[in-house]
Structure formats: structure tokens, C-alpha cells
């Protein structure tokens, strides 16, 4: 069985301990480390070698926004899921631009946290419905209507829309009645047309320019 290595960045010790205990309950997940801030984030990541990072936005000294930016620049294949309590919408959306692949509320149920980790590992963009709606509302309110559709086909727009909803590649394959390989090929074409290199960048551009 392929295991997913998970690292936690959170300044709340009790939450770190709770997440460690939760992750350790599942055979397909490996708890790889936890840290109270992102002061040494590059070294922390090199030493723990995670596949997925659970990143708190608000932490002392070096916060999650700086952390996700460094991780995305240095380790672009690592999926970073932000944890938020919605104290500042702008920070949530900024972290998306910095390379986060998804967001979960801190009050998210344990089973949904595990689902988000697995989705992120598979290339999805996990978001709780409340966050997805806020992200959509934010970009509708802030951004102009798209003037360039990047010559996306109807199928590519459909798949891009499912990515925005936080669906994993496997879920998209099921909903579009196609194979995982076909979905992956479509997403690669979407990346090329949008001039992006990751799900988070594609979702950010789709929302920012209202492509779907």
C-alpha cells in the first residue's frame, strides 16, 4: 500500500497532538512531523519529506502564508492544505495565489480532514463547501469578467470547473465517465493553455478571470 507522509504546522499544541493522533489511525497515512511555525520550514520539509502539509495560516514569527510560498517555490510537488478560521479572507485567497492546493476549516470533522489529505495527495484541490463559496464570492466581487477564454474546449471547461469544486482526478473521472488517464491528459492541456503548472494555479486563474 502506498502511504502518504503528512506534516503539520500549527502553533496550537493540542491541535497538533490531535491531528497526529488522527493521522496515526490510518494505515495509508504516515505522521512525519509537526512544527509550531515556519521559521525553519525549508529544513523541516527536507528532513521530513512530506507528501501533504497541513498548514495553519496564523502562526507567530513566520506564518503560514510565508510557509506555503517557500514550500511551493522549493518543493512544488508537495500539496499544502491551509487551515483557517476565516478571521481574514484576504489571507485565505493570498495563500491560494502562493500555491496552496486547498483549505479546510479548523472545525472540519476528522473524517473530512482525512478525505482532504487523500484528495490532495491524488492531485485534487480540497475545500469545504463554505470555503469554496467564499472563494467564489470573493473573486466574483473583486475581479472583472474574463476577456480571454484561452480556447478551452467545453470538456476542458467542465473539468476545470470540477477542479474549482475541489474534486480529485478520480472523482472527475467518475463524474465525466472517462478514465483517470483521460482526465490527466485534459488537465495537462488545461495547464498548457492557461500557462500554469499546478492545480492551485489553475483554480486561482479560473476564479480570478472567471473562466467557468
N, C-alpha and C. Protein backbone atom coordinates (compact mmCIF):
# COMPACT_ATOMS: atom_id res chain seq x y z
N UNK A 1 0.84 -1.20 0.00
CA UNK A 1 0.00 0.00 0.00
C UNK A 1 0.88 1.26 0.00
N UNK A 2 0.57 2.18 -0.91
CA UNK A 2 1.30 3.44 -0.93
C UNK A 2 0.85 4.31 0.23
N UNK A 3 1.82 4.81 1.00
CA UNK A 3 1.50 5.63 2.16
C UNK A 3 1.78 7.10 1.87
N UNK A 4 0.97 7.95 2.46
CA UNK A 4 1.11 9.39 2.32
C UNK A 4 1.71 9.98 3.58
N UNK A 5 2.83 10.66 3.43
CA UNK A 5 3.50 11.29 4.57
C UNK A 5 2.90 12.68 4.81
N UNK A 6 2.51 12.93 6.06
CA UNK A 6 1.83 14.19 6.41
C UNK A 6 2.61 14.93 7.48
N UNK A 7 2.80 16.22 7.26
CA UNK A 7 3.46 17.10 8.24
C UNK A 7 2.50 18.21 8.64
N UNK A 8 2.56 18.61 9.91
CA UNK A 8 1.65 19.62 10.45
C UNK A 8 2.43 20.86 10.89
N UNK A 9 1.94 22.04 10.51
CA UNK A 9 2.46 23.31 11.02
C UNK A 9 1.30 24.01 11.72
N UNK A 10 1.39 24.14 13.03
CA UNK A 10 0.31 24.77 13.82
C UNK A 10 0.89 25.19 15.16
N UNK A 11 0.57 26.41 15.62
CA UNK A 11 1.14 26.88 16.88
C UNK A 11 0.36 26.38 18.10
N UNK A 12 -0.77 25.71 17.87
CA UNK A 12 -1.58 25.20 18.97
C UNK A 12 -1.18 23.74 19.25
N UNK A 13 -0.54 23.50 20.38
CA UNK A 13 -0.02 22.16 20.68
C UNK A 13 -1.12 21.11 20.76
N UNK A 14 -2.24 21.45 21.36
CA UNK A 14 -3.31 20.46 21.50
C UNK A 14 -3.86 20.07 20.13
N UNK A 15 -3.92 21.03 19.21
CA UNK A 15 -4.40 20.70 17.86
C UNK A 15 -3.36 19.85 17.13
N UNK A 16 -2.09 20.18 17.29
CA UNK A 16 -1.04 19.36 16.68
C UNK A 16 -1.14 17.92 17.18
N UNK A 17 -1.30 17.77 18.47
CA UNK A 17 -1.39 16.42 19.06
C UNK A 17 -2.63 15.68 18.55
N UNK A 18 -3.74 16.40 18.44
CA UNK A 18 -4.99 15.78 17.97
C UNK A 18 -4.85 15.32 16.52
N UNK A 19 -4.23 16.16 15.69
CA UNK A 19 -4.03 15.80 14.29
C UNK A 19 -3.07 14.62 14.16
N UNK A 20 -2.03 14.61 14.99
CA UNK A 20 -1.10 13.48 14.97
C UNK A 20 -1.82 12.18 15.29
N UNK A 21 -2.65 12.22 16.35
CA UNK A 21 -3.40 11.02 16.75
C UNK A 21 -4.35 10.57 15.64
N UNK A 22 -5.00 11.54 15.00
CA UNK A 22 -5.94 11.21 13.92
C UNK A 22 -5.22 10.56 12.74
N UNK A 23 -4.15 11.17 12.30
CA UNK A 23 -3.40 10.65 11.14
C UNK A 23 -2.86 9.26 11.43
N UNK A 24 -2.42 9.04 12.66
CA UNK A 24 -1.81 7.76 13.02
C UNK A 24 -2.80 6.60 13.05
N UNK A 25 -4.09 6.91 12.96
CA UNK A 25 -5.12 5.87 12.98
C UNK A 25 -5.27 5.16 11.63
N UNK A 26 -4.69 5.73 10.57
CA UNK A 26 -4.93 5.22 9.22
C UNK A 26 -3.67 4.60 8.63
N UNK A 27 -3.81 3.39 8.09
CA UNK A 27 -2.67 2.66 7.55
C UNK A 27 -2.06 3.31 6.31
N UNK A 28 -2.88 4.07 5.57
CA UNK A 28 -2.35 4.68 4.35
C UNK A 28 -1.71 6.04 4.59
N UNK A 29 -1.73 6.51 5.84
CA UNK A 29 -1.13 7.80 6.20
C UNK A 29 0.01 7.60 7.18
N UNK A 30 1.03 8.43 7.06
CA UNK A 30 2.17 8.39 7.99
C UNK A 30 2.37 9.78 8.57
N UNK A 31 2.31 9.90 9.89
CA UNK A 31 2.63 11.18 10.53
C UNK A 31 4.14 11.36 10.47
N UNK A 32 4.59 12.43 9.79
CA UNK A 32 6.03 12.61 9.55
C UNK A 32 6.67 13.71 10.38
N UNK A 33 5.86 14.55 11.02
CA UNK A 33 6.43 15.60 11.85
C UNK A 33 5.46 16.73 12.09
N UNK A 34 5.77 17.57 13.12
CA UNK A 34 4.93 18.73 13.39
C UNK A 34 5.79 19.87 13.94
N UNK A 35 5.38 21.10 13.61
CA UNK A 35 6.16 22.28 13.96
C UNK A 35 5.22 23.42 14.33
N UNK A 36 5.69 24.33 15.21
CA UNK A 36 4.82 25.39 15.73
C UNK A 36 4.82 26.64 14.88
N UNK A 37 5.76 26.75 13.93
CA UNK A 37 5.76 27.86 12.98
C UNK A 37 6.65 27.49 11.80
N UNK A 38 6.85 28.46 10.90
CA UNK A 38 7.60 28.17 9.67
C UNK A 38 8.99 28.79 9.66
N UNK A 39 9.57 29.00 10.83
CA UNK A 39 10.90 29.61 10.92
C UNK A 39 11.92 28.82 10.11
N UNK A 40 11.89 27.50 10.23
CA UNK A 40 12.84 26.64 9.52
C UNK A 40 12.11 25.74 8.53
N UNK A 41 11.12 26.29 7.85
CA UNK A 41 10.24 25.45 7.03
C UNK A 41 10.99 24.68 5.95
N UNK A 42 11.97 25.31 5.30
CA UNK A 42 12.69 24.60 4.24
C UNK A 42 13.44 23.39 4.82
N UNK A 43 14.13 23.59 5.93
CA UNK A 43 14.85 22.48 6.56
C UNK A 43 13.87 21.43 7.08
N UNK A 44 12.76 21.88 7.67
CA UNK A 44 11.75 20.95 8.19
C UNK A 44 11.23 20.04 7.08
N UNK A 45 10.95 20.62 5.92
CA UNK A 45 10.42 19.85 4.80
C UNK A 45 11.47 18.88 4.26
N UNK A 46 12.70 19.33 4.14
CA UNK A 46 13.76 18.45 3.63
C UNK A 46 13.96 17.24 4.54
N UNK A 47 13.83 17.46 5.84
CA UNK A 47 14.09 16.38 6.80
C UNK A 47 12.92 15.41 6.91
N UNK A 48 11.68 15.91 6.79
CA UNK A 48 10.50 15.05 6.99
C UNK A 48 9.95 14.47 5.69
N UNK A 49 10.27 15.10 4.55
CA UNK A 49 9.87 14.61 3.22
C UNK A 49 8.36 14.29 3.13
N UNK A 50 7.51 15.27 3.40
CA UNK A 50 6.06 15.01 3.33
C UNK A 50 5.52 14.98 1.90
N UNK A 51 4.37 14.34 1.75
CA UNK A 51 3.60 14.42 0.51
C UNK A 51 2.54 15.51 0.63
N UNK A 52 2.02 15.65 1.86
CA UNK A 52 0.96 16.63 2.15
C UNK A 52 1.32 17.38 3.43
N UNK A 53 1.08 18.69 3.43
CA UNK A 53 1.30 19.53 4.60
C UNK A 53 -0.02 20.15 5.03
N UNK A 54 -0.35 20.06 6.32
CA UNK A 54 -1.47 20.80 6.90
C UNK A 54 -0.89 22.07 7.51
N UNK A 55 -1.25 23.23 6.96
CA UNK A 55 -0.61 24.49 7.31
C UNK A 55 -1.60 25.48 7.93
N UNK A 56 -1.35 25.84 9.18
CA UNK A 56 -2.14 26.89 9.82
C UNK A 56 -1.76 28.23 9.19
N UNK A 57 -2.73 29.12 9.00
CA UNK A 57 -2.41 30.43 8.44
C UNK A 57 -1.77 31.33 9.49
N UNK A 58 -2.37 31.38 10.67
CA UNK A 58 -1.90 32.28 11.71
C UNK A 58 -0.94 31.57 12.66
N UNK A 59 0.35 31.91 12.58
CA UNK A 59 1.36 31.39 13.49
C UNK A 59 2.35 32.50 13.80
N UNK A 60 2.98 32.48 14.99
CA UNK A 60 3.93 33.53 15.34
C UNK A 60 5.23 33.42 14.55
N UNK A 61 5.95 34.51 14.50
CA UNK A 61 7.29 34.64 13.90
C UNK A 61 7.22 34.51 12.37
N UNK A 62 7.01 33.31 11.86
CA UNK A 62 6.85 33.10 10.42
C UNK A 62 5.55 32.33 10.21
N UNK A 63 4.58 32.98 9.55
CA UNK A 63 3.24 32.40 9.47
C UNK A 63 3.06 31.48 8.27
N UNK A 64 1.84 30.98 8.11
CA UNK A 64 1.54 30.01 7.06
C UNK A 64 1.61 30.57 5.66
N UNK A 65 1.34 31.87 5.48
CA UNK A 65 1.43 32.46 4.15
C UNK A 65 2.87 32.41 3.64
N UNK A 66 3.79 32.80 4.50
CA UNK A 66 5.20 32.73 4.11
C UNK A 66 5.62 31.28 3.92
N UNK A 67 5.09 30.41 4.77
CA UNK A 67 5.44 28.99 4.70
C UNK A 67 5.01 28.35 3.39
N UNK A 68 3.77 28.60 2.99
CA UNK A 68 3.27 27.97 1.75
C UNK A 68 4.01 28.52 0.53
N UNK A 69 4.38 29.79 0.56
CA UNK A 69 5.14 30.38 -0.55
C UNK A 69 6.50 29.69 -0.70
N UNK A 70 7.19 29.49 0.43
CA UNK A 70 8.50 28.84 0.40
C UNK A 70 8.38 27.40 -0.08
N UNK A 71 7.40 26.69 0.45
CA UNK A 71 7.21 25.29 0.06
C UNK A 71 6.91 25.19 -1.44
N UNK A 72 6.02 26.05 -1.93
CA UNK A 72 5.65 26.00 -3.34
C UNK A 72 6.84 26.30 -4.25
N UNK A 73 7.70 27.22 -3.81
CA UNK A 73 8.86 27.59 -4.62
C UNK A 73 9.93 26.50 -4.59
N UNK A 74 10.16 25.93 -3.41
CA UNK A 74 11.26 24.96 -3.24
C UNK A 74 10.82 23.51 -3.50
N UNK A 75 9.57 23.22 -3.19
CA UNK A 75 9.07 21.84 -3.30
C UNK A 75 7.70 21.84 -3.98
N UNK A 76 7.63 22.16 -5.26
CA UNK A 76 6.34 22.36 -5.94
C UNK A 76 5.45 21.12 -6.00
N UNK A 77 6.01 19.93 -5.78
CA UNK A 77 5.19 18.72 -5.83
C UNK A 77 4.50 18.39 -4.51
N UNK A 78 4.80 19.14 -3.46
CA UNK A 78 4.16 18.90 -2.16
C UNK A 78 2.83 19.64 -2.10
N UNK A 79 1.78 18.95 -1.71
CA UNK A 79 0.45 19.56 -1.58
C UNK A 79 0.31 20.21 -0.20
N UNK A 80 -0.11 21.46 -0.18
CA UNK A 80 -0.28 22.19 1.08
C UNK A 80 -1.75 22.55 1.26
N UNK A 81 -2.34 22.07 2.35
CA UNK A 81 -3.73 22.39 2.69
C UNK A 81 -3.71 23.40 3.82
N UNK A 82 -4.33 24.54 3.61
CA UNK A 82 -4.37 25.57 4.65
C UNK A 82 -5.49 25.26 5.64
N UNK A 83 -5.24 25.63 6.90
CA UNK A 83 -6.26 25.53 7.94
C UNK A 83 -6.62 26.95 8.37
N UNK A 84 -7.90 27.25 8.43
CA UNK A 84 -8.30 28.62 8.71
C UNK A 84 -9.55 28.67 9.57
N UNK A 85 -9.73 29.81 10.24
CA UNK A 85 -10.97 30.07 10.99
C UNK A 85 -11.69 31.28 10.39
N UNK A 86 -11.23 31.70 9.19
CA UNK A 86 -11.88 32.82 8.48
C UNK A 86 -11.78 34.16 9.20
N UNK A 87 -10.70 34.38 9.88
CA UNK A 87 -10.53 35.69 10.50
C UNK A 87 -10.16 36.76 9.47
N UNK A 88 -9.59 36.33 8.36
CA UNK A 88 -9.16 37.28 7.34
C UNK A 88 -9.25 36.62 5.96
N UNK A 89 -10.29 36.94 5.22
CA UNK A 89 -10.49 36.34 3.90
C UNK A 89 -9.29 36.57 2.98
N UNK A 90 -8.74 37.79 3.00
CA UNK A 90 -7.66 38.11 2.08
C UNK A 90 -6.48 37.16 2.24
N UNK A 91 -6.19 36.74 3.47
CA UNK A 91 -5.08 35.82 3.70
C UNK A 91 -5.38 34.44 3.10
N UNK A 92 -6.63 34.05 3.18
CA UNK A 92 -7.02 32.77 2.58
C UNK A 92 -6.78 32.81 1.08
N UNK A 93 -7.21 33.86 0.41
CA UNK A 93 -7.08 33.94 -1.03
C UNK A 93 -5.63 34.18 -1.45
N UNK A 94 -4.89 34.88 -0.61
CA UNK A 94 -3.47 35.10 -0.91
C UNK A 94 -2.71 33.78 -0.86
N UNK A 95 -3.06 32.92 0.08
CA UNK A 95 -2.37 31.64 0.17
C UNK A 95 -2.67 30.77 -1.05
N UNK A 96 -3.85 30.93 -1.64
CA UNK A 96 -4.16 30.22 -2.89
C UNK A 96 -3.22 30.69 -3.99
N UNK A 97 -3.01 31.98 -4.09
CA UNK A 97 -2.08 32.51 -5.09
C UNK A 97 -0.65 32.05 -4.82
N UNK A 98 -0.32 31.83 -3.55
CA UNK A 98 1.03 31.43 -3.18
C UNK A 98 1.28 29.94 -3.39
N UNK A 99 0.23 29.17 -3.72
CA UNK A 99 0.46 27.77 -4.05
C UNK A 99 -0.26 26.74 -3.22
N UNK A 100 -1.13 27.16 -2.28
CA UNK A 100 -1.90 26.18 -1.51
C UNK A 100 -2.84 25.43 -2.45
N UNK A 101 -3.06 24.15 -2.17
CA UNK A 101 -3.94 23.37 -3.05
C UNK A 101 -5.37 23.30 -2.53
N UNK A 102 -5.59 23.70 -1.27
CA UNK A 102 -6.93 23.61 -0.72
C UNK A 102 -7.01 24.22 0.67
N UNK A 103 -8.22 24.23 1.24
CA UNK A 103 -8.47 24.86 2.53
C UNK A 103 -9.47 24.04 3.33
N UNK A 104 -9.24 23.95 4.61
CA UNK A 104 -10.24 23.34 5.48
C UNK A 104 -10.42 24.22 6.71
N UNK A 105 -11.63 24.27 7.19
CA UNK A 105 -11.90 24.98 8.43
C UNK A 105 -11.34 24.16 9.60
N UNK A 106 -10.90 24.84 10.64
CA UNK A 106 -10.35 24.12 11.79
C UNK A 106 -11.41 23.27 12.48
N UNK A 107 -12.68 23.62 12.30
CA UNK A 107 -13.74 22.83 12.92
C UNK A 107 -14.20 21.67 12.02
N UNK A 108 -13.50 21.47 10.89
CA UNK A 108 -13.84 20.38 9.99
C UNK A 108 -13.79 19.04 10.72
N UNK A 109 -14.73 18.16 10.43
CA UNK A 109 -14.78 16.86 11.11
C UNK A 109 -13.56 16.01 10.75
N UNK A 110 -13.15 15.11 11.65
CA UNK A 110 -11.97 14.27 11.41
C UNK A 110 -12.03 13.50 10.09
N UNK A 111 -13.19 12.92 9.76
CA UNK A 111 -13.26 12.14 8.51
C UNK A 111 -13.08 13.02 7.29
N UNK A 112 -13.54 14.28 7.36
CA UNK A 112 -13.36 15.20 6.23
C UNK A 112 -11.91 15.66 6.11
N UNK A 113 -11.22 15.77 7.24
CA UNK A 113 -9.79 16.11 7.21
C UNK A 113 -9.01 15.02 6.50
N UNK A 114 -9.32 13.76 6.85
CA UNK A 114 -8.64 12.64 6.20
C UNK A 114 -8.97 12.61 4.71
N UNK A 115 -10.22 12.87 4.36
CA UNK A 115 -10.63 12.91 2.95
C UNK A 115 -9.87 14.00 2.20
N UNK A 116 -9.68 15.17 2.85
CA UNK A 116 -8.96 16.28 2.22
C UNK A 116 -7.50 15.90 1.96
N UNK A 117 -6.87 15.22 2.93
CA UNK A 117 -5.48 14.79 2.76
C UNK A 117 -5.37 13.84 1.58
N UNK A 118 -6.27 12.88 1.50
CA UNK A 118 -6.23 11.91 0.40
C UNK A 118 -6.49 12.57 -0.94
N UNK A 119 -7.44 13.50 -0.98
CA UNK A 119 -7.74 14.21 -2.23
C UNK A 119 -6.52 15.01 -2.70
N UNK A 120 -5.86 15.70 -1.75
CA UNK A 120 -4.69 16.50 -2.09
C UNK A 120 -3.58 15.62 -2.64
N UNK A 121 -3.42 14.45 -2.05
CA UNK A 121 -2.37 13.52 -2.49
C UNK A 121 -2.65 13.05 -3.93
N UNK A 122 -3.91 12.96 -4.29
CA UNK A 122 -4.29 12.49 -5.64
C UNK A 122 -4.32 13.62 -6.66
N UNK A 123 -3.98 14.84 -6.23
CA UNK A 123 -3.94 15.95 -7.17
C UNK A 123 -5.15 16.85 -7.14
N UNK A 124 -6.07 16.61 -6.19
CA UNK A 124 -7.26 17.43 -6.08
C UNK A 124 -7.01 18.73 -5.34
N UNK A 125 -8.06 19.54 -5.24
CA UNK A 125 -7.98 20.82 -4.54
C UNK A 125 -9.08 20.85 -3.49
N UNK A 126 -8.88 20.16 -2.36
CA UNK A 126 -9.94 20.02 -1.37
C UNK A 126 -10.31 21.34 -0.70
N UNK A 127 -11.62 21.60 -0.66
CA UNK A 127 -12.14 22.76 0.04
C UNK A 127 -13.46 22.38 0.68
N UNK A 128 -13.69 22.84 1.89
CA UNK A 128 -15.01 22.64 2.46
C UNK A 128 -15.99 23.52 1.68
N UNK A 129 -17.27 23.14 1.62
CA UNK A 129 -18.24 23.93 0.85
C UNK A 129 -18.27 25.40 1.24
N UNK A 130 -18.13 25.68 2.54
CA UNK A 130 -18.18 27.08 2.99
C UNK A 130 -17.02 27.88 2.42
N UNK A 131 -15.84 27.29 2.38
CA UNK A 131 -14.68 27.99 1.85
C UNK A 131 -14.80 28.15 0.34
N UNK A 132 -15.23 27.09 -0.35
CA UNK A 132 -15.40 27.17 -1.80
C UNK A 132 -16.35 28.31 -2.17
N UNK A 133 -17.44 28.45 -1.42
CA UNK A 133 -18.41 29.50 -1.70
C UNK A 133 -17.82 30.88 -1.45
N UNK A 134 -17.03 31.00 -0.37
CA UNK A 134 -16.42 32.30 -0.06
C UNK A 134 -15.38 32.67 -1.11
N UNK A 135 -14.61 31.68 -1.56
CA UNK A 135 -13.62 31.94 -2.60
C UNK A 135 -14.32 32.41 -3.88
N UNK A 136 -15.38 31.70 -4.26
CA UNK A 136 -16.12 32.06 -5.46
C UNK A 136 -16.71 33.46 -5.34
N UNK A 137 -17.34 33.75 -4.21
CA UNK A 137 -17.94 35.07 -4.00
C UNK A 137 -16.90 36.18 -4.02
N UNK A 138 -15.75 35.87 -3.44
CA UNK A 138 -14.67 36.87 -3.39
C UNK A 138 -14.23 37.26 -4.80
N UNK A 139 -13.99 36.27 -5.64
CA UNK A 139 -13.48 36.57 -6.97
C UNK A 139 -14.56 37.18 -7.87
N UNK A 140 -15.81 36.77 -7.67
CA UNK A 140 -16.91 37.39 -8.42
C UNK A 140 -17.00 38.88 -8.07
N UNK A 141 -16.82 39.17 -6.79
CA UNK A 141 -16.92 40.54 -6.31
C UNK A 141 -15.72 41.39 -6.73
N UNK A 142 -14.55 40.79 -6.72
CA UNK A 142 -13.31 41.55 -6.89
C UNK A 142 -12.83 41.65 -8.34
N UNK A 143 -13.15 40.65 -9.16
CA UNK A 143 -12.49 40.56 -10.45
C UNK A 143 -13.42 40.88 -11.62
N UNK A 144 -12.86 41.40 -12.71
CA UNK A 144 -13.65 41.67 -13.92
C UNK A 144 -14.00 40.38 -14.64
N UNK A 145 -14.98 40.47 -15.52
CA UNK A 145 -15.36 39.32 -16.33
C UNK A 145 -14.23 38.97 -17.29
N UNK A 146 -14.05 37.69 -17.54
CA UNK A 146 -12.95 37.23 -18.38
C UNK A 146 -13.06 37.80 -19.79
N UNK A 147 -11.91 38.20 -20.34
CA UNK A 147 -11.87 38.67 -21.72
C UNK A 147 -11.13 37.65 -22.60
N UNK A 148 -10.62 36.59 -22.01
CA UNK A 148 -9.89 35.55 -22.73
C UNK A 148 -10.32 34.19 -22.21
N UNK A 149 -10.82 33.34 -23.11
CA UNK A 149 -11.23 32.01 -22.65
C UNK A 149 -10.14 30.97 -22.89
N UNK A 150 -8.98 31.43 -23.40
CA UNK A 150 -7.80 30.57 -23.61
C UNK A 150 -8.10 29.38 -24.54
N UNK A 151 -9.15 29.50 -25.33
CA UNK A 151 -9.54 28.46 -26.29
C UNK A 151 -9.77 27.11 -25.60
N UNK A 152 -10.30 27.16 -24.40
CA UNK A 152 -10.64 25.92 -23.70
C UNK A 152 -11.85 25.27 -24.35
N UNK A 153 -11.81 23.97 -24.53
CA UNK A 153 -12.96 23.25 -25.06
C UNK A 153 -14.03 23.14 -23.97
N UNK A 154 -15.24 22.75 -24.35
CA UNK A 154 -16.30 22.57 -23.37
C UNK A 154 -15.93 21.52 -22.33
N UNK A 155 -15.27 20.44 -22.77
CA UNK A 155 -14.85 19.40 -21.82
C UNK A 155 -13.79 19.93 -20.86
N UNK A 156 -12.87 20.73 -21.39
CA UNK A 156 -11.83 21.30 -20.52
C UNK A 156 -12.42 22.27 -19.51
N UNK A 157 -13.42 23.05 -19.94
CA UNK A 157 -14.09 23.95 -19.01
C UNK A 157 -14.84 23.17 -17.93
N UNK A 158 -15.45 22.06 -18.34
CA UNK A 158 -16.15 21.21 -17.38
C UNK A 158 -15.18 20.66 -16.33
N UNK A 159 -14.05 20.17 -16.79
CA UNK A 159 -13.05 19.60 -15.87
C UNK A 159 -12.45 20.69 -14.99
N UNK A 160 -12.20 21.87 -15.56
CA UNK A 160 -11.68 22.98 -14.78
C UNK A 160 -12.68 23.37 -13.69
N UNK A 161 -13.96 23.37 -14.02
CA UNK A 161 -15.00 23.66 -13.03
C UNK A 161 -15.00 22.65 -11.89
N UNK A 162 -14.78 21.38 -12.21
CA UNK A 162 -14.73 20.34 -11.18
C UNK A 162 -13.49 20.50 -10.32
N UNK A 163 -12.39 20.94 -10.90
CA UNK A 163 -11.19 21.22 -10.11
C UNK A 163 -11.46 22.36 -9.12
N UNK A 164 -12.17 23.39 -9.58
CA UNK A 164 -12.52 24.51 -8.71
C UNK A 164 -13.37 24.04 -7.54
N UNK A 165 -14.21 23.03 -7.78
CA UNK A 165 -15.05 22.48 -6.71
C UNK A 165 -14.26 21.60 -5.75
N UNK A 166 -12.98 21.39 -6.04
CA UNK A 166 -12.14 20.60 -5.15
C UNK A 166 -12.15 19.11 -5.43
N UNK A 167 -12.63 18.71 -6.61
CA UNK A 167 -12.71 17.29 -6.94
C UNK A 167 -11.33 16.73 -7.30
N UNK A 168 -11.06 15.50 -6.88
CA UNK A 168 -9.82 14.83 -7.23
C UNK A 168 -9.90 14.30 -8.65
N UNK A 169 -8.76 13.87 -9.20
CA UNK A 169 -8.73 13.31 -10.54
C UNK A 169 -9.68 12.11 -10.64
N UNK A 170 -9.67 11.25 -9.63
CA UNK A 170 -10.53 10.06 -9.64
C UNK A 170 -12.00 10.44 -9.63
N UNK A 171 -12.35 11.44 -8.83
CA UNK A 171 -13.74 11.89 -8.77
C UNK A 171 -14.17 12.50 -10.10
N UNK A 172 -13.27 13.26 -10.73
CA UNK A 172 -13.58 13.87 -12.03
C UNK A 172 -13.79 12.78 -13.07
N UNK A 173 -12.95 11.75 -13.05
CA UNK A 173 -13.09 10.63 -13.99
C UNK A 173 -14.45 9.98 -13.85
N UNK A 174 -14.89 9.80 -12.60
CA UNK A 174 -16.18 9.18 -12.34
C UNK A 174 -17.33 10.06 -12.84
N UNK A 175 -17.25 11.37 -12.53
CA UNK A 175 -18.35 12.28 -12.90
C UNK A 175 -18.44 12.51 -14.41
N UNK A 176 -17.31 12.43 -15.10
CA UNK A 176 -17.32 12.67 -16.55
C UNK A 176 -17.35 11.37 -17.34
N UNK A 177 -17.41 10.25 -16.61
CA UNK A 177 -17.47 8.93 -17.24
C UNK A 177 -16.30 8.69 -18.20
N UNK A 178 -15.11 9.09 -17.73
CA UNK A 178 -13.89 8.88 -18.51
C UNK A 178 -12.85 8.22 -17.61
N UNK A 179 -11.71 7.87 -18.16
CA UNK A 179 -10.66 7.23 -17.39
C UNK A 179 -9.79 8.26 -16.67
N UNK A 180 -9.09 7.79 -15.66
CA UNK A 180 -8.14 8.64 -14.93
C UNK A 180 -7.11 9.20 -15.91
N UNK A 181 -6.62 8.35 -16.83
CA UNK A 181 -5.62 8.76 -17.81
C UNK A 181 -6.16 9.89 -18.70
N UNK A 182 -7.41 9.77 -19.12
CA UNK A 182 -8.01 10.80 -19.97
C UNK A 182 -8.14 12.12 -19.23
N UNK A 183 -8.58 12.05 -17.96
CA UNK A 183 -8.69 13.27 -17.14
C UNK A 183 -7.32 13.92 -17.00
N UNK A 184 -6.31 13.13 -16.73
CA UNK A 184 -4.95 13.66 -16.58
C UNK A 184 -4.50 14.34 -17.87
N UNK A 185 -4.82 13.75 -19.02
CA UNK A 185 -4.44 14.35 -20.30
C UNK A 185 -5.16 15.69 -20.51
N UNK A 186 -6.45 15.75 -20.16
CA UNK A 186 -7.20 17.01 -20.28
C UNK A 186 -6.60 18.08 -19.38
N UNK A 187 -6.24 17.70 -18.16
CA UNK A 187 -5.71 18.67 -17.21
C UNK A 187 -4.35 19.20 -17.68
N UNK A 188 -3.54 18.34 -18.29
CA UNK A 188 -2.27 18.79 -18.84
C UNK A 188 -2.50 19.83 -19.95
N UNK A 189 -3.53 19.60 -20.77
CA UNK A 189 -3.85 20.57 -21.83
C UNK A 189 -4.33 21.88 -21.23
N UNK A 190 -5.12 21.78 -20.15
CA UNK A 190 -5.59 22.99 -19.45
C UNK A 190 -4.40 23.78 -18.92
N UNK A 191 -3.44 23.08 -18.31
CA UNK A 191 -2.23 23.74 -17.80
C UNK A 191 -1.53 24.50 -18.93
N UNK A 192 -1.37 23.83 -20.08
CA UNK A 192 -0.67 24.44 -21.21
C UNK A 192 -1.39 25.69 -21.69
N UNK A 193 -2.72 25.61 -21.81
CA UNK A 193 -3.49 26.73 -22.33
C UNK A 193 -3.52 27.91 -21.35
N UNK A 194 -3.57 27.61 -20.05
CA UNK A 194 -3.62 28.67 -19.04
C UNK A 194 -2.24 29.16 -18.63
N UNK A 195 -1.21 28.45 -19.10
CA UNK A 195 0.17 28.77 -18.73
C UNK A 195 0.39 28.67 -17.22
N UNK A 196 -0.05 27.54 -16.66
CA UNK A 196 0.11 27.26 -15.24
C UNK A 196 0.77 25.90 -15.09
N UNK A 197 1.15 25.56 -13.84
CA UNK A 197 1.88 24.31 -13.61
C UNK A 197 1.31 23.46 -12.49
N UNK A 198 0.18 23.86 -11.93
CA UNK A 198 -0.38 23.08 -10.82
C UNK A 198 -1.88 23.30 -10.74
N UNK A 199 -2.56 22.43 -9.98
CA UNK A 199 -4.00 22.58 -9.76
C UNK A 199 -4.31 23.92 -9.12
N UNK A 200 -3.54 24.27 -8.07
CA UNK A 200 -3.82 25.51 -7.35
C UNK A 200 -3.71 26.73 -8.26
N UNK A 201 -2.72 26.73 -9.15
CA UNK A 201 -2.57 27.86 -10.08
C UNK A 201 -3.73 27.89 -11.09
N UNK A 202 -4.15 26.72 -11.54
CA UNK A 202 -5.27 26.65 -12.49
C UNK A 202 -6.55 27.15 -11.83
N UNK A 203 -6.81 26.70 -10.60
CA UNK A 203 -8.01 27.12 -9.86
C UNK A 203 -7.98 28.61 -9.61
N UNK A 204 -6.82 29.11 -9.20
CA UNK A 204 -6.68 30.54 -8.93
C UNK A 204 -6.98 31.37 -10.18
N UNK A 205 -6.44 30.95 -11.32
CA UNK A 205 -6.66 31.69 -12.56
C UNK A 205 -8.11 31.59 -13.00
N UNK A 206 -8.70 30.41 -12.85
CA UNK A 206 -10.10 30.23 -13.24
C UNK A 206 -11.01 31.15 -12.44
N UNK A 207 -10.74 31.26 -11.14
CA UNK A 207 -11.57 32.12 -10.29
C UNK A 207 -11.28 33.59 -10.54
N UNK A 208 -10.01 33.91 -10.64
CA UNK A 208 -9.62 35.31 -10.83
C UNK A 208 -10.18 35.89 -12.13
N UNK A 209 -10.14 35.09 -13.19
CA UNK A 209 -10.57 35.58 -14.50
C UNK A 209 -11.96 35.08 -14.90
N UNK A 210 -12.61 34.41 -13.95
CA UNK A 210 -13.99 33.95 -14.13
C UNK A 210 -14.12 33.15 -15.44
N UNK A 211 -13.32 32.11 -15.54
CA UNK A 211 -13.30 31.29 -16.75
C UNK A 211 -14.39 30.24 -16.77
N UNK A 212 -15.01 29.99 -15.62
CA UNK A 212 -16.05 28.96 -15.57
C UNK A 212 -17.31 29.52 -14.91
